[in-house]
Amino acid sequence: MENAEVLEVTVKQVETILHNRTQEVDAFKREASERFAAGYIQCMHDVH
């Protein structure tokens, strides 16, 4: 495998890893936001 090919494969692999991490972070943020909203709503019900 030539150097250019190795570099191209490496770049594609890094892009894939970064894309997957971004999706994981987005899912984590969405889940945290949903938990916060559910807790806030529950608190409002408990207060009233």
N, C-alpha and C. Protein backbone atom coordinates (compact mmCIF):
# COMPACT_ATOMS: atom_id res chain seq x y z
N MET A 1 0.85 -1.17 0.00
CA MET A 1 0.00 0.00 0.00
C MET A 1 0.90 1.24 0.00
N GLU A 2 0.59 2.17 -0.86
CA GLU A 2 1.40 3.38 -0.95
C GLU A 2 1.04 4.35 0.16
N ASN A 3 1.94 5.30 0.41
CA ASN A 3 1.73 6.28 1.47
C ASN A 3 0.42 7.04 1.29
N ALA A 4 0.12 7.42 0.07
CA ALA A 4 -1.11 8.18 -0.19
C ALA A 4 -2.34 7.34 0.15
N GLU A 5 -2.28 6.05 -0.15
CA GLU A 5 -3.40 5.17 0.17
C GLU A 5 -3.57 5.01 1.67
N VAL A 6 -2.46 4.85 2.37
CA VAL A 6 -2.50 4.73 3.83
C VAL A 6 -3.10 6.00 4.43
N LEU A 7 -2.67 7.14 3.94
CA LEU A 7 -3.18 8.41 4.43
C LEU A 7 -4.68 8.54 4.16
N GLU A 8 -5.11 8.16 2.96
CA GLU A 8 -6.53 8.24 2.61
C GLU A 8 -7.38 7.33 3.51
N VAL A 9 -6.93 6.12 3.75
CA VAL A 9 -7.65 5.19 4.62
C VAL A 9 -7.69 5.73 6.05
N THR A 10 -6.59 6.30 6.50
CA THR A 10 -6.53 6.86 7.85
C THR A 10 -7.50 8.02 8.00
N VAL A 11 -7.53 8.90 7.03
CA VAL A 11 -8.44 10.05 7.08
C VAL A 11 -9.89 9.58 7.11
N LYS A 12 -10.24 8.61 6.29
CA LYS A 12 -11.61 8.08 6.28
C LYS A 12 -11.96 7.47 7.63
N GLN A 13 -11.02 6.75 8.23
CA GLN A 13 -11.27 6.12 9.53
C GLN A 13 -11.48 7.18 10.61
N VAL A 14 -10.66 8.21 10.61
CA VAL A 14 -10.80 9.29 11.60
C VAL A 14 -12.13 10.01 11.40
N GLU A 15 -12.52 10.27 10.16
CA GLU A 15 -13.81 10.91 9.89
C GLU A 15 -14.96 10.06 10.42
N THR A 16 -14.88 8.74 10.22
CA THR A 16 -15.92 7.84 10.72
C THR A 16 -15.99 7.88 12.23
N ILE A 17 -14.85 7.84 12.89
CA ILE A 17 -14.81 7.89 14.36
C ILE A 17 -15.42 9.19 14.86
N LEU A 18 -15.03 10.31 14.27
CA LEU A 18 -15.56 11.61 14.70
C LEU A 18 -17.06 11.70 14.46
N HIS A 19 -17.53 11.18 13.35
CA HIS A 19 -18.96 11.19 13.05
C HIS A 19 -19.73 10.38 14.09
N ASN A 20 -19.22 9.20 14.43
CA ASN A 20 -19.88 8.35 15.42
C ASN A 20 -19.88 9.01 16.80
N ARG A 21 -18.79 9.64 17.17
CA ARG A 21 -18.73 10.33 18.47
C ARG A 21 -19.72 11.48 18.52
N THR A 22 -19.84 12.21 17.43
CA THR A 22 -20.79 13.32 17.37
C THR A 22 -22.20 12.82 17.58
N GLN A 23 -22.54 11.71 16.95
CA GLN A 23 -23.88 11.13 17.12
C GLN A 23 -24.10 10.69 18.56
N GLU A 24 -23.08 10.10 19.19
CA GLU A 24 -23.20 9.66 20.58
C GLU A 24 -23.40 10.85 21.51
N VAL A 25 -22.65 11.91 21.29
CA VAL A 25 -22.78 13.12 22.12
C VAL A 25 -24.16 13.74 21.94
N ASP A 26 -24.63 13.80 20.70
CA ASP A 26 -25.97 14.35 20.45
C ASP A 26 -27.04 13.54 21.16
N ALA A 27 -26.93 12.22 21.12
CA ALA A 27 -27.90 11.35 21.79
C ALA A 27 -27.83 11.56 23.30
N PHE A 28 -26.62 11.70 23.85
CA PHE A 28 -26.46 11.92 25.29
C PHE A 28 -27.09 13.25 25.70
N LYS A 29 -26.84 14.30 24.92
CA LYS A 29 -27.40 15.62 25.23
C LYS A 29 -28.92 15.59 25.16
N ARG A 30 -29.46 14.92 24.15
CA ARG A 30 -30.91 14.83 24.00
C ARG A 30 -31.52 14.08 25.19
N GLU A 31 -30.89 12.97 25.58
CA GLU A 31 -31.38 12.19 26.72
C GLU A 31 -31.32 13.00 28.01
N ALA A 32 -30.24 13.73 28.22
CA ALA A 32 -30.11 14.56 29.42
C ALA A 32 -31.17 15.65 29.43
N SER A 33 -31.42 16.24 28.29
CA SER A 33 -32.44 17.29 28.19
C SER A 33 -33.83 16.72 28.49
N GLU A 34 -34.11 15.53 27.98
CA GLU A 34 -35.40 14.90 28.22
C GLU A 34 -35.57 14.56 29.70
N ARG A 35 -34.50 14.08 30.34
CA ARG A 35 -34.57 13.76 31.78
C ARG A 35 -34.80 15.03 32.59
N PHE A 36 -34.13 16.12 32.22
CA PHE A 36 -34.31 17.38 32.92
C PHE A 36 -35.75 17.85 32.79
N ALA A 37 -36.29 17.82 31.57
CA ALA A 37 -37.66 18.27 31.34
C ALA A 37 -38.64 17.42 32.13
N ALA A 38 -38.44 16.11 32.14
CA ALA A 38 -39.34 15.22 32.89
C ALA A 38 -39.27 15.52 34.38
N GLY A 39 -38.08 15.76 34.89
CA GLY A 39 -37.92 16.09 36.31
C GLY A 39 -38.55 17.43 36.65
N TYR A 40 -38.41 18.39 35.76
CA TYR A 40 -39.00 19.71 35.98
C TYR A 40 -40.52 19.61 36.02
N ILE A 41 -41.08 18.88 35.08
CA ILE A 41 -42.53 18.71 35.04
C ILE A 41 -43.02 17.99 36.29
N GLN A 42 -42.30 16.96 36.71
CA GLN A 42 -42.68 16.24 37.93
C GLN A 42 -42.63 17.16 39.14
N CYS A 43 -41.62 17.99 39.21
CA CYS A 43 -41.48 18.94 40.32
C CYS A 43 -42.65 19.92 40.32
N MET A 44 -43.03 20.41 39.16
CA MET A 44 -44.16 21.34 39.07
C MET A 44 -45.46 20.67 39.53
N HIS A 45 -45.63 19.40 39.19
CA HIS A 45 -46.81 18.66 39.64
C HIS A 45 -46.79 18.49 41.16
N ASP A 46 -45.62 18.22 41.71
CA ASP A 46 -45.51 18.03 43.16
C ASP A 46 -45.78 19.33 43.91
N VAL A 47 -45.38 20.45 43.36
CA VAL A 47 -45.56 21.75 44.02
C VAL A 47 -47.03 22.17 43.97
N HIS A 48 -47.69 21.91 42.86
CA HIS A 48 -49.09 22.35 42.72
C HIS A 48 -49.97 21.24 43.09
